[in-house]
């Protein structure tokens, strides 16, 4: 067998200060910490748990839920039940997740189970602080930006209350370099697959 990595468009997700300002002007005019969960509304993604933990956080923050799926109505109902209408925003399916990542401070992925979540590679490229459940593979952390937490509401509420430290531009630059070195850059992955197909077909590279 041969393992083919899923590539990331590292430059597309690399930190962009101008994009960050625009996103924050729209979603965090009061200087709130922005927390992003970019995942479809499926049971495995554990949105209900995330909302309950978010309800117990301290400080000024907003939770942005980018995605769609069969449980969206249920999650929107939970937002209302917890009184989080002003601070938890279901954004629906988005084609600008790379832009949203620039303006957000923390990515949250409290999954019940995962394969290899590409969203974590993208968030690392953006230099984000990342909170992931212990059910997510440690292999996804190639930059040291991911903190793995048990699925305990108190632990998540505390982590969601913290200010994201670090210099985003520097963290992003280091992350892009490390992700490329680890073989997850899209261009590298594409060349490897091209080489494999050509070798299999008995043809030479052009």
N, C-alpha and C. Protein backbone atom coordinates (compact mmCIF):
# COMPACT_ATOMS: atom_id res chain seq x y z
N UNK A 1 0.84 -1.19 0.00
CA UNK A 1 0.00 0.00 0.00
C UNK A 1 0.87 1.24 0.00
N UNK A 2 0.26 2.34 -0.32
CA UNK A 2 0.96 3.62 -0.35
C UNK A 2 0.09 4.66 0.35
N UNK A 3 0.67 5.44 1.25
CA UNK A 3 -0.07 6.48 1.96
C UNK A 3 0.03 7.78 1.19
N UNK A 4 -1.13 8.37 0.90
CA UNK A 4 -1.18 9.67 0.22
C UNK A 4 -1.72 10.70 1.21
N UNK A 5 -0.93 11.71 1.50
CA UNK A 5 -1.37 12.75 2.43
C UNK A 5 -2.38 13.68 1.75
N UNK A 6 -3.28 14.24 2.56
CA UNK A 6 -4.20 15.26 2.08
C UNK A 6 -3.50 16.61 2.20
N UNK A 7 -3.27 17.25 1.09
CA UNK A 7 -2.51 18.49 1.09
C UNK A 7 -3.31 19.69 1.55
N UNK A 8 -2.58 20.69 2.03
CA UNK A 8 -3.17 21.95 2.48
C UNK A 8 -2.61 23.08 1.64
N UNK A 9 -3.47 23.99 1.22
CA UNK A 9 -3.01 25.18 0.49
C UNK A 9 -2.41 26.14 1.52
N UNK A 10 -1.17 25.93 1.87
CA UNK A 10 -0.57 26.65 2.99
C UNK A 10 -0.60 28.16 2.82
N UNK A 11 -0.32 28.65 1.63
CA UNK A 11 -0.29 30.10 1.43
C UNK A 11 -1.68 30.71 1.53
N UNK A 12 -2.70 29.95 1.14
CA UNK A 12 -4.07 30.46 1.23
C UNK A 12 -4.49 30.66 2.69
N UNK A 13 -4.00 29.79 3.57
CA UNK A 13 -4.40 29.86 4.98
C UNK A 13 -3.39 30.62 5.84
N UNK A 14 -2.26 31.02 5.27
CA UNK A 14 -1.25 31.75 6.02
C UNK A 14 -1.83 33.06 6.54
N UNK A 15 -1.32 33.52 7.67
CA UNK A 15 -1.87 34.68 8.35
C UNK A 15 -1.84 35.93 7.47
N UNK A 16 -2.98 36.68 7.52
CA UNK A 16 -3.15 37.90 6.73
C UNK A 16 -3.72 38.97 7.67
N UNK A 17 -2.92 39.95 8.03
CA UNK A 17 -3.33 40.97 8.99
C UNK A 17 -4.52 41.78 8.48
N UNK A 18 -4.54 42.11 7.19
CA UNK A 18 -5.64 42.90 6.64
C UNK A 18 -6.96 42.12 6.72
N UNK A 19 -6.91 40.83 6.39
CA UNK A 19 -8.11 40.00 6.50
C UNK A 19 -8.56 39.90 7.95
N UNK A 20 -7.61 39.82 8.87
CA UNK A 20 -7.97 39.75 10.29
C UNK A 20 -8.74 41.01 10.71
N UNK A 21 -8.26 42.17 10.31
CA UNK A 21 -8.94 43.41 10.69
C UNK A 21 -10.37 43.43 10.17
N UNK A 22 -10.56 43.01 8.92
CA UNK A 22 -11.90 43.05 8.34
C UNK A 22 -12.86 42.10 9.06
N UNK A 23 -12.39 40.89 9.37
CA UNK A 23 -13.24 39.92 10.07
C UNK A 23 -13.60 40.44 11.46
N UNK A 24 -12.64 41.02 12.14
CA UNK A 24 -12.89 41.51 13.50
C UNK A 24 -13.79 42.73 13.52
N UNK A 25 -13.70 43.56 12.50
CA UNK A 25 -14.62 44.70 12.39
C UNK A 25 -16.07 44.21 12.27
N UNK A 26 -16.25 43.07 11.60
CA UNK A 26 -17.58 42.53 11.39
C UNK A 26 -18.11 41.77 12.60
N UNK A 27 -17.26 40.94 13.21
CA UNK A 27 -17.74 40.02 14.23
C UNK A 27 -17.27 40.35 15.65
N UNK A 28 -16.26 41.18 15.81
CA UNK A 28 -15.74 41.47 17.15
C UNK A 28 -15.46 42.95 17.33
N UNK A 29 -16.47 43.80 17.11
CA UNK A 29 -16.23 45.25 17.21
C UNK A 29 -15.84 45.69 18.61
N UNK A 30 -16.19 44.88 19.61
CA UNK A 30 -15.86 45.23 21.00
C UNK A 30 -14.59 44.58 21.50
N UNK A 31 -13.79 44.01 20.58
CA UNK A 31 -12.54 43.38 20.98
C UNK A 31 -12.71 41.99 21.56
N UNK A 32 -13.84 41.35 21.30
CA UNK A 32 -14.09 40.01 21.83
C UNK A 32 -13.10 38.99 21.29
N UNK A 33 -12.82 37.98 22.09
CA UNK A 33 -12.09 36.82 21.60
C UNK A 33 -13.03 36.05 20.67
N UNK A 34 -12.56 35.70 19.49
CA UNK A 34 -13.39 34.96 18.53
C UNK A 34 -12.95 33.50 18.50
N UNK A 35 -13.91 32.63 18.75
CA UNK A 35 -13.68 31.18 18.75
C UNK A 35 -14.40 30.60 17.53
N UNK A 36 -13.71 29.82 16.75
CA UNK A 36 -14.27 29.24 15.53
C UNK A 36 -14.38 27.74 15.65
N UNK A 37 -15.54 27.21 15.27
CA UNK A 37 -15.69 25.77 15.07
C UNK A 37 -16.12 25.59 13.62
N UNK A 38 -15.24 25.06 12.80
CA UNK A 38 -15.53 24.85 11.39
C UNK A 38 -15.77 23.36 11.17
N UNK A 39 -17.04 22.96 11.25
CA UNK A 39 -17.39 21.54 11.16
C UNK A 39 -18.87 21.42 10.85
N UNK A 40 -19.23 20.46 10.04
CA UNK A 40 -20.63 20.25 9.74
C UNK A 40 -21.40 19.79 10.98
N UNK A 41 -22.68 20.06 10.99
CA UNK A 41 -23.51 19.75 12.16
C UNK A 41 -23.88 18.26 12.14
N UNK A 42 -22.94 17.48 12.65
CA UNK A 42 -23.08 16.04 12.75
C UNK A 42 -22.81 15.64 14.19
N UNK A 43 -23.37 14.51 14.61
CA UNK A 43 -23.22 14.07 16.01
C UNK A 43 -21.76 13.96 16.41
N UNK A 44 -20.90 13.45 15.52
CA UNK A 44 -19.49 13.24 15.85
C UNK A 44 -18.76 14.53 16.19
N UNK A 45 -19.25 15.66 15.67
CA UNK A 45 -18.55 16.93 15.89
C UNK A 45 -18.85 17.53 17.26
N UNK A 46 -19.89 17.05 17.94
CA UNK A 46 -20.10 17.37 19.35
C UNK A 46 -20.38 18.85 19.61
N UNK A 47 -21.18 19.48 18.76
CA UNK A 47 -21.49 20.89 18.93
C UNK A 47 -22.22 21.18 20.25
N UNK A 48 -23.11 20.26 20.64
CA UNK A 48 -23.86 20.48 21.88
C UNK A 48 -22.94 20.63 23.08
N UNK A 49 -21.95 19.76 23.17
CA UNK A 49 -20.96 19.85 24.24
C UNK A 49 -20.23 21.18 24.19
N UNK A 50 -19.82 21.59 23.00
CA UNK A 50 -19.08 22.84 22.85
C UNK A 50 -19.92 24.03 23.33
N UNK A 51 -21.20 24.04 23.00
CA UNK A 51 -22.06 25.13 23.43
C UNK A 51 -22.20 25.16 24.95
N UNK A 52 -22.34 24.00 25.56
CA UNK A 52 -22.45 23.96 27.03
C UNK A 52 -21.17 24.44 27.69
N UNK A 53 -20.03 24.06 27.15
CA UNK A 53 -18.75 24.54 27.69
C UNK A 53 -18.62 26.04 27.47
N UNK A 54 -19.00 26.50 26.30
CA UNK A 54 -18.92 27.93 25.98
C UNK A 54 -19.81 28.75 26.92
N UNK A 55 -20.97 28.20 27.27
CA UNK A 55 -21.87 28.91 28.18
C UNK A 55 -21.23 29.12 29.56
N UNK A 56 -20.25 28.29 29.92
CA UNK A 56 -19.60 28.41 31.21
C UNK A 56 -18.31 29.19 31.19
N UNK A 57 -17.97 29.79 30.03
CA UNK A 57 -16.70 30.52 29.94
C UNK A 57 -16.83 31.88 30.62
N UNK A 58 -15.70 32.51 30.86
CA UNK A 58 -15.68 33.87 31.40
C UNK A 58 -15.03 34.78 30.37
N UNK A 59 -15.24 36.08 30.52
CA UNK A 59 -14.64 37.03 29.60
C UNK A 59 -15.52 37.27 28.39
N UNK A 60 -15.09 38.22 27.56
CA UNK A 60 -15.83 38.60 26.35
C UNK A 60 -15.39 37.74 25.18
N UNK A 61 -16.29 36.94 24.68
CA UNK A 61 -15.95 36.09 23.54
C UNK A 61 -17.19 35.75 22.75
N UNK A 62 -16.98 35.37 21.51
CA UNK A 62 -18.08 34.93 20.64
C UNK A 62 -17.65 33.63 19.98
N UNK A 63 -18.64 32.77 19.77
CA UNK A 63 -18.42 31.46 19.14
C UNK A 63 -19.04 31.47 17.76
N UNK A 64 -18.23 31.20 16.76
CA UNK A 64 -18.68 31.19 15.38
C UNK A 64 -18.72 29.76 14.88
N UNK A 65 -19.91 29.32 14.45
CA UNK A 65 -20.10 27.94 14.00
C UNK A 65 -20.26 27.94 12.48
N UNK A 66 -19.21 27.57 11.78
CA UNK A 66 -19.24 27.54 10.32
C UNK A 66 -19.50 26.11 9.86
N UNK A 67 -20.60 25.93 9.14
CA UNK A 67 -20.94 24.59 8.65
C UNK A 67 -22.44 24.42 8.55
N UNK A 68 -22.83 23.27 8.05
CA UNK A 68 -24.25 22.95 7.89
C UNK A 68 -24.40 21.46 8.12
N UNK A 69 -25.63 20.97 8.10
CA UNK A 69 -25.83 19.55 8.29
C UNK A 69 -27.15 19.24 8.95
N UNK A 70 -27.47 17.95 9.11
CA UNK A 70 -28.78 17.54 9.61
C UNK A 70 -29.10 17.99 11.03
N UNK A 71 -28.11 18.28 11.84
CA UNK A 71 -28.37 18.68 13.23
C UNK A 71 -28.36 20.19 13.42
N UNK A 72 -28.36 20.94 12.34
CA UNK A 72 -28.28 22.40 12.50
C UNK A 72 -29.47 22.95 13.29
N UNK A 73 -30.68 22.50 12.97
CA UNK A 73 -31.85 22.99 13.68
C UNK A 73 -31.78 22.69 15.18
N UNK A 74 -31.31 21.49 15.50
CA UNK A 74 -31.17 21.10 16.91
C UNK A 74 -30.15 21.99 17.62
N UNK A 75 -29.04 22.28 16.97
CA UNK A 75 -28.00 23.12 17.57
C UNK A 75 -28.49 24.55 17.73
N UNK A 76 -29.21 25.05 16.75
CA UNK A 76 -29.77 26.40 16.88
C UNK A 76 -30.76 26.48 18.03
N UNK A 77 -31.53 25.40 18.23
CA UNK A 77 -32.44 25.35 19.37
C UNK A 77 -31.68 25.37 20.69
N UNK A 78 -30.55 24.68 20.74
CA UNK A 78 -29.74 24.65 21.96
C UNK A 78 -29.14 26.02 22.25
N UNK A 79 -28.76 26.73 21.20
CA UNK A 79 -28.25 28.09 21.38
C UNK A 79 -29.31 28.96 22.07
N UNK A 80 -30.55 28.85 21.63
CA UNK A 80 -31.63 29.63 22.24
C UNK A 80 -31.88 29.17 23.67
N UNK A 81 -31.87 27.86 23.90
CA UNK A 81 -32.13 27.33 25.24
C UNK A 81 -31.08 27.79 26.25
N UNK A 82 -29.84 27.96 25.77
CA UNK A 82 -28.75 28.39 26.66
C UNK A 82 -28.63 29.91 26.74
N UNK A 83 -29.49 30.61 26.00
CA UNK A 83 -29.45 32.07 26.01
C UNK A 83 -28.21 32.66 25.36
N UNK A 84 -27.72 32.00 24.31
CA UNK A 84 -26.47 32.41 23.68
C UNK A 84 -26.67 33.07 22.32
N UNK A 85 -27.90 33.56 22.07
CA UNK A 85 -28.19 34.08 20.73
C UNK A 85 -27.23 35.19 20.28
N UNK A 86 -26.76 36.01 21.21
CA UNK A 86 -25.88 37.13 20.84
C UNK A 86 -24.42 36.71 20.67
N UNK A 87 -24.06 35.59 21.28
CA UNK A 87 -22.65 35.23 21.33
C UNK A 87 -22.28 33.96 20.58
N UNK A 88 -23.24 33.13 20.21
CA UNK A 88 -22.98 31.92 19.45
C UNK A 88 -23.67 32.07 18.09
N UNK A 89 -22.88 32.12 17.04
CA UNK A 89 -23.39 32.49 15.72
C UNK A 89 -23.30 31.33 14.73
N UNK A 90 -24.43 30.70 14.37
CA UNK A 90 -24.39 29.67 13.32
C UNK A 90 -24.30 30.36 11.95
N UNK A 91 -23.17 30.21 11.29
CA UNK A 91 -22.90 30.95 10.06
C UNK A 91 -23.31 30.20 8.80
N UNK A 92 -23.69 28.92 8.94
CA UNK A 92 -24.03 28.14 7.77
C UNK A 92 -22.80 27.70 6.99
N UNK A 93 -23.04 27.13 5.83
CA UNK A 93 -21.93 26.67 4.98
C UNK A 93 -21.19 27.88 4.43
N UNK A 94 -19.87 27.87 4.55
CA UNK A 94 -19.07 29.02 4.14
C UNK A 94 -18.01 28.61 3.13
N UNK A 95 -17.70 29.54 2.23
CA UNK A 95 -16.59 29.30 1.31
C UNK A 95 -15.42 30.22 1.64
N UNK A 96 -15.48 30.86 2.83
CA UNK A 96 -14.42 31.79 3.22
C UNK A 96 -13.83 31.42 4.59
N UNK A 97 -13.73 30.11 4.85
CA UNK A 97 -13.19 29.67 6.15
C UNK A 97 -11.76 30.17 6.33
N UNK A 98 -10.98 30.21 5.25
CA UNK A 98 -9.61 30.71 5.35
C UNK A 98 -9.60 32.14 5.85
N UNK A 99 -10.54 32.95 5.38
CA UNK A 99 -10.63 34.34 5.82
C UNK A 99 -11.08 34.42 7.28
N UNK A 100 -12.07 33.62 7.65
CA UNK A 100 -12.56 33.62 9.03
C UNK A 100 -11.45 33.24 10.00
N UNK A 101 -10.60 32.30 9.60
CA UNK A 101 -9.52 31.87 10.48
C UNK A 101 -8.56 33.00 10.80
N UNK A 102 -8.40 33.95 9.88
CA UNK A 102 -7.50 35.07 10.15
C UNK A 102 -8.03 35.92 11.30
N UNK A 103 -9.32 36.15 11.34
CA UNK A 103 -9.89 37.02 12.36
C UNK A 103 -10.17 36.34 13.68
N UNK A 104 -10.27 35.01 13.67
CA UNK A 104 -10.56 34.27 14.90
C UNK A 104 -9.27 33.98 15.66
N UNK A 105 -9.41 33.78 16.96
CA UNK A 105 -8.26 33.57 17.83
C UNK A 105 -8.03 32.10 18.17
N UNK A 106 -9.13 31.36 18.30
CA UNK A 106 -9.07 29.97 18.75
C UNK A 106 -9.92 29.11 17.82
N UNK A 107 -9.42 27.95 17.46
CA UNK A 107 -10.24 26.96 16.77
C UNK A 107 -10.58 25.85 17.76
N UNK A 108 -11.85 25.47 17.83
CA UNK A 108 -12.30 24.43 18.75
C UNK A 108 -12.84 23.24 17.97
N UNK A 109 -12.36 22.03 18.33
CA UNK A 109 -12.82 20.80 17.68
C UNK A 109 -12.99 19.71 18.75
N UNK A 110 -14.16 19.70 19.42
CA UNK A 110 -14.38 18.74 20.51
C UNK A 110 -14.99 17.43 20.03
N UNK A 111 -14.46 16.86 18.97
CA UNK A 111 -15.07 15.71 18.31
C UNK A 111 -15.11 14.46 19.19
N UNK A 112 -16.15 13.67 18.97
CA UNK A 112 -16.25 12.36 19.62
C UNK A 112 -15.32 11.37 18.95
N UNK A 113 -15.14 11.51 17.65
CA UNK A 113 -14.17 10.70 16.90
C UNK A 113 -13.85 11.43 15.60
N UNK A 114 -12.67 11.17 15.08
CA UNK A 114 -12.20 11.83 13.86
C UNK A 114 -11.29 10.87 13.10
N UNK A 115 -11.12 11.15 11.82
CA UNK A 115 -10.08 10.51 11.05
C UNK A 115 -8.85 11.38 11.20
N UNK A 116 -8.46 12.02 10.12
CA UNK A 116 -7.37 13.00 10.17
C UNK A 116 -7.99 14.34 9.76
N UNK A 117 -8.33 15.21 10.71
CA UNK A 117 -9.07 16.44 10.40
C UNK A 117 -8.22 17.48 9.70
N UNK A 118 -8.50 17.71 8.43
CA UNK A 118 -7.73 18.66 7.65
C UNK A 118 -7.87 20.08 8.18
N UNK A 119 -9.01 20.37 8.84
CA UNK A 119 -9.23 21.72 9.37
C UNK A 119 -8.16 22.09 10.39
N UNK A 120 -7.60 21.10 11.07
CA UNK A 120 -6.54 21.39 12.03
C UNK A 120 -5.26 21.81 11.33
N UNK A 121 -4.97 21.23 10.19
CA UNK A 121 -3.80 21.63 9.43
C UNK A 121 -3.98 23.06 8.91
N UNK A 122 -5.19 23.36 8.46
CA UNK A 122 -5.47 24.71 7.95
C UNK A 122 -5.34 25.74 9.07
N UNK A 123 -5.89 25.44 10.24
CA UNK A 123 -5.83 26.37 11.37
C UNK A 123 -4.39 26.58 11.84
N UNK A 124 -3.57 25.53 11.77
CA UNK A 124 -2.16 25.68 12.14
C UNK A 124 -1.46 26.62 11.16
N UNK A 125 -1.77 26.51 9.88
CA UNK A 125 -1.20 27.42 8.88
C UNK A 125 -1.51 28.87 9.24
N UNK A 126 -2.72 29.10 9.76
CA UNK A 126 -3.15 30.46 10.13
C UNK A 126 -2.55 30.92 11.45
N UNK A 127 -1.81 30.04 12.12
CA UNK A 127 -1.18 30.41 13.38
C UNK A 127 -2.13 30.47 14.55
N UNK A 128 -3.29 29.81 14.44
CA UNK A 128 -4.29 29.86 15.50
C UNK A 128 -3.90 28.99 16.69
N UNK A 129 -4.43 29.34 17.86
CA UNK A 129 -4.41 28.44 19.00
C UNK A 129 -5.54 27.44 18.77
N UNK A 130 -5.31 26.16 19.04
CA UNK A 130 -6.28 25.13 18.70
C UNK A 130 -6.58 24.27 19.92
N UNK A 131 -7.87 24.05 20.17
CA UNK A 131 -8.32 23.15 21.22
C UNK A 131 -8.98 21.96 20.53
N UNK A 132 -8.50 20.76 20.82
CA UNK A 132 -9.07 19.56 20.21
C UNK A 132 -9.31 18.52 21.30
N UNK A 133 -10.30 17.68 21.09
CA UNK A 133 -10.57 16.63 22.06
C UNK A 133 -9.47 15.57 22.00
N UNK A 134 -9.36 14.82 23.06
CA UNK A 134 -8.35 13.76 23.11
C UNK A 134 -8.69 12.62 22.14
N UNK A 135 -9.85 12.67 21.52
CA UNK A 135 -10.23 11.66 20.54
C UNK A 135 -9.62 11.95 19.16
N UNK A 136 -8.98 13.09 19.02
CA UNK A 136 -8.35 13.46 17.75
C UNK A 136 -6.91 12.98 17.76
N UNK A 137 -6.46 12.46 16.63
CA UNK A 137 -5.10 11.93 16.55
C UNK A 137 -4.05 13.00 16.81
N UNK A 138 -3.04 12.63 17.61
CA UNK A 138 -1.92 13.54 17.88
C UNK A 138 -1.08 13.78 16.63
N UNK A 139 -1.21 12.92 15.65
CA UNK A 139 -0.43 13.08 14.42
C UNK A 139 -0.78 14.38 13.69
N UNK A 140 -1.95 14.94 14.01
CA UNK A 140 -2.36 16.18 13.36
C UNK A 140 -1.59 17.39 13.87
N UNK A 141 -0.92 17.25 15.02
CA UNK A 141 -0.19 18.37 15.60
C UNK A 141 1.26 18.33 15.13
N UNK A 142 1.55 19.09 14.09
CA UNK A 142 2.92 19.13 13.58
C UNK A 142 3.60 20.45 13.94
N UNK A 143 2.92 21.32 14.69
CA UNK A 143 3.45 22.65 14.98
C UNK A 143 3.51 22.97 16.47
N UNK A 144 2.86 22.16 17.30
CA UNK A 144 2.79 22.47 18.72
C UNK A 144 1.70 23.45 19.08
N UNK A 145 0.83 23.79 18.13
CA UNK A 145 -0.24 24.77 18.39
C UNK A 145 -1.53 24.13 18.90
N UNK A 146 -1.59 22.79 18.92
CA UNK A 146 -2.82 22.11 19.33
C UNK A 146 -2.72 21.68 20.78
N UNK A 147 -3.76 21.99 21.55
CA UNK A 147 -3.86 21.50 22.92
C UNK A 147 -4.99 20.47 22.96
N UNK A 148 -4.68 19.26 23.40
CA UNK A 148 -5.66 18.18 23.45
C UNK A 148 -6.27 18.14 24.85
N UNK A 149 -7.60 18.16 24.90
CA UNK A 149 -8.32 18.22 26.17
C UNK A 149 -9.27 17.04 26.31
N UNK A 150 -9.48 16.56 27.53
CA UNK A 150 -10.53 15.55 27.75
C UNK A 150 -11.89 16.21 27.57
N UNK A 151 -12.89 15.42 27.25
CA UNK A 151 -14.23 15.98 27.05
C UNK A 151 -14.90 16.21 28.41
N UNK A 152 -14.39 17.20 29.11
CA UNK A 152 -14.94 17.64 30.40
C UNK A 152 -15.29 19.11 30.26
N UNK A 153 -16.53 19.46 30.57
CA UNK A 153 -17.01 20.82 30.32
C UNK A 153 -16.18 21.86 31.07
N UNK A 154 -15.80 21.56 32.30
CA UNK A 154 -15.03 22.54 33.08
C UNK A 154 -13.69 22.83 32.42
N UNK A 155 -13.04 21.79 31.89
CA UNK A 155 -11.74 21.97 31.24
C UNK A 155 -11.88 22.82 29.98
N UNK A 156 -12.92 22.55 29.21
CA UNK A 156 -13.14 23.32 27.98
C UNK A 156 -13.57 24.75 28.29
N UNK A 157 -14.42 24.92 29.28
CA UNK A 157 -14.86 26.28 29.65
C UNK A 157 -13.66 27.12 30.06
N UNK A 158 -12.75 26.53 30.83
CA UNK A 158 -11.55 27.25 31.27
C UNK A 158 -10.66 27.59 30.08
N UNK A 159 -10.47 26.64 29.17
CA UNK A 159 -9.61 26.88 28.01
C UNK A 159 -10.21 27.92 27.08
N UNK A 160 -11.53 27.91 26.94
CA UNK A 160 -12.20 28.88 26.07
C UNK A 160 -12.18 30.28 26.68
N UNK A 161 -11.90 30.38 27.96
CA UNK A 161 -11.86 31.67 28.65
C UNK A 161 -10.51 32.34 28.56
N UNK A 162 -9.50 31.61 28.11
CA UNK A 162 -8.15 32.15 28.06
C UNK A 162 -7.94 33.02 26.83
N UNK A 163 -7.10 34.01 26.99
CA UNK A 163 -6.70 34.83 25.86
C UNK A 163 -5.67 34.06 25.04
N UNK A 164 -5.86 34.02 23.74
CA UNK A 164 -4.92 33.30 22.87
C UNK A 164 -3.58 34.04 22.87
N UNK A 165 -2.51 33.40 23.32
CA UNK A 165 -1.20 34.06 23.37
C UNK A 165 -0.48 33.99 22.04
N UNK A 166 0.65 34.66 21.98
CA UNK A 166 1.53 34.48 20.83
C UNK A 166 1.34 35.50 19.73
N UNK A 167 2.34 35.60 18.88
CA UNK A 167 2.33 36.48 17.72
C UNK A 167 1.83 35.68 16.52
N UNK A 168 0.66 36.05 16.00
CA UNK A 168 0.03 35.25 14.95
C UNK A 168 0.89 35.17 13.70
N UNK A 169 1.48 36.28 13.30
CA UNK A 169 2.27 36.27 12.08
C UNK A 169 3.46 35.32 12.21
N UNK A 170 4.14 35.38 13.36
CA UNK A 170 5.29 34.50 13.58
C UNK A 170 4.86 33.04 13.69
N UNK A 171 3.75 32.80 14.43
CA UNK A 171 3.26 31.42 14.58
C UNK A 171 2.86 30.84 13.23
N UNK A 172 2.22 31.65 12.39
CA UNK A 172 1.81 31.19 11.07
C UNK A 172 3.01 30.86 10.19
N UNK A 173 4.00 31.74 10.20
CA UNK A 173 5.19 31.52 9.36
C UNK A 173 5.89 30.23 9.76
N UNK A 174 6.03 30.00 11.07
CA UNK A 174 6.67 28.76 11.52
C UNK A 174 5.83 27.55 11.16
N UNK A 175 4.51 27.68 11.31
CA UNK A 175 3.62 26.55 11.03
C UNK A 175 3.63 26.17 9.56
N UNK A 176 3.58 27.16 8.68
CA UNK A 176 3.61 26.89 7.24
C UNK A 176 4.88 26.13 6.88
N UNK A 177 5.99 26.54 7.44
CA UNK A 177 7.27 25.88 7.17
C UNK A 177 7.26 24.44 7.66
N UNK A 178 6.78 24.23 8.89
CA UNK A 178 6.77 22.88 9.46
C UNK A 178 5.80 21.96 8.74
N UNK A 179 4.66 22.50 8.34
CA UNK A 179 3.68 21.69 7.61
C UNK A 179 4.24 21.26 6.26
N UNK A 180 4.95 22.16 5.60
CA UNK A 180 5.59 21.80 4.33
C UNK A 180 6.66 20.75 4.55
N UNK A 181 7.46 20.90 5.61
CA UNK A 181 8.51 19.93 5.92
C UNK A 181 7.92 18.56 6.23
N UNK A 182 6.72 18.55 6.83
CA UNK A 182 6.08 17.28 7.18
C UNK A 182 5.41 16.62 5.98
N UNK A 183 5.41 17.32 4.83
CA UNK A 183 4.87 16.73 3.61
C UNK A 183 3.40 16.98 3.35
N UNK A 184 2.82 18.01 4.02
CA UNK A 184 1.39 18.26 3.86
C UNK A 184 1.08 19.48 2.99
N UNK A 185 2.09 20.09 2.38
CA UNK A 185 1.83 21.19 1.47
C UNK A 185 1.17 20.65 0.19
N UNK A 186 0.13 21.33 -0.28
CA UNK A 186 -0.66 20.85 -1.41
C UNK A 186 0.19 20.61 -2.65
N UNK A 187 1.11 21.53 -2.93
CA UNK A 187 1.92 21.40 -4.14
C UNK A 187 2.80 20.15 -4.07
N UNK A 188 3.38 19.91 -2.90
CA UNK A 188 4.21 18.72 -2.72
C UNK A 188 3.39 17.45 -2.88
N UNK A 189 2.21 17.43 -2.25
CA UNK A 189 1.33 16.26 -2.33
C UNK A 189 0.91 15.98 -3.77
N UNK A 190 0.61 17.05 -4.51
CA UNK A 190 0.18 16.90 -5.90
C UNK A 190 1.30 16.31 -6.75
N UNK A 191 2.54 16.78 -6.52
CA UNK A 191 3.67 16.25 -7.29
C UNK A 191 3.90 14.78 -6.98
N UNK A 192 3.75 14.41 -5.71
CA UNK A 192 3.93 13.01 -5.32
C UNK A 192 2.90 12.11 -5.99
N UNK A 193 1.64 12.59 -6.03
CA UNK A 193 0.59 11.79 -6.67
C UNK A 193 0.81 11.70 -8.17
N UNK A 194 1.24 12.80 -8.78
CA UNK A 194 1.52 12.78 -10.22
C UNK A 194 2.62 11.78 -10.53
N UNK A 195 3.68 11.81 -9.73
CA UNK A 195 4.79 10.89 -9.92
C UNK A 195 4.32 9.44 -9.79
N UNK A 196 3.48 9.18 -8.79
CA UNK A 196 2.97 7.83 -8.57
C UNK A 196 2.16 7.34 -9.78
N UNK A 197 1.26 8.19 -10.28
CA UNK A 197 0.42 7.79 -11.42
C UNK A 197 1.26 7.54 -12.67
N UNK A 198 2.24 8.43 -12.89
CA UNK A 198 3.09 8.26 -14.07
C UNK A 198 3.92 6.98 -13.98
N UNK A 199 4.48 6.71 -12.78
CA UNK A 199 5.26 5.48 -12.60
C UNK A 199 4.39 4.25 -12.79
N UNK A 200 3.16 4.31 -12.28
CA UNK A 200 2.24 3.18 -12.41
C UNK A 200 1.88 2.93 -13.88
N UNK A 201 1.77 4.04 -14.63
CA UNK A 201 1.42 3.92 -16.06
C UNK A 201 2.64 3.63 -16.91
N UNK A 202 3.82 3.60 -16.28
CA UNK A 202 5.04 3.32 -17.03
C UNK A 202 5.53 4.48 -17.86
N UNK A 203 5.14 5.71 -17.48
CA UNK A 203 5.54 6.89 -18.23
C UNK A 203 6.54 7.69 -17.41
N UNK A 204 7.27 8.58 -18.09
CA UNK A 204 8.24 9.42 -17.44
C UNK A 204 7.60 10.75 -17.08
N UNK A 205 8.16 11.38 -16.04
CA UNK A 205 7.69 12.71 -15.66
C UNK A 205 8.07 13.70 -16.75
N UNK A 206 7.20 14.71 -16.93
CA UNK A 206 7.50 15.76 -17.92
C UNK A 206 8.11 16.95 -17.21
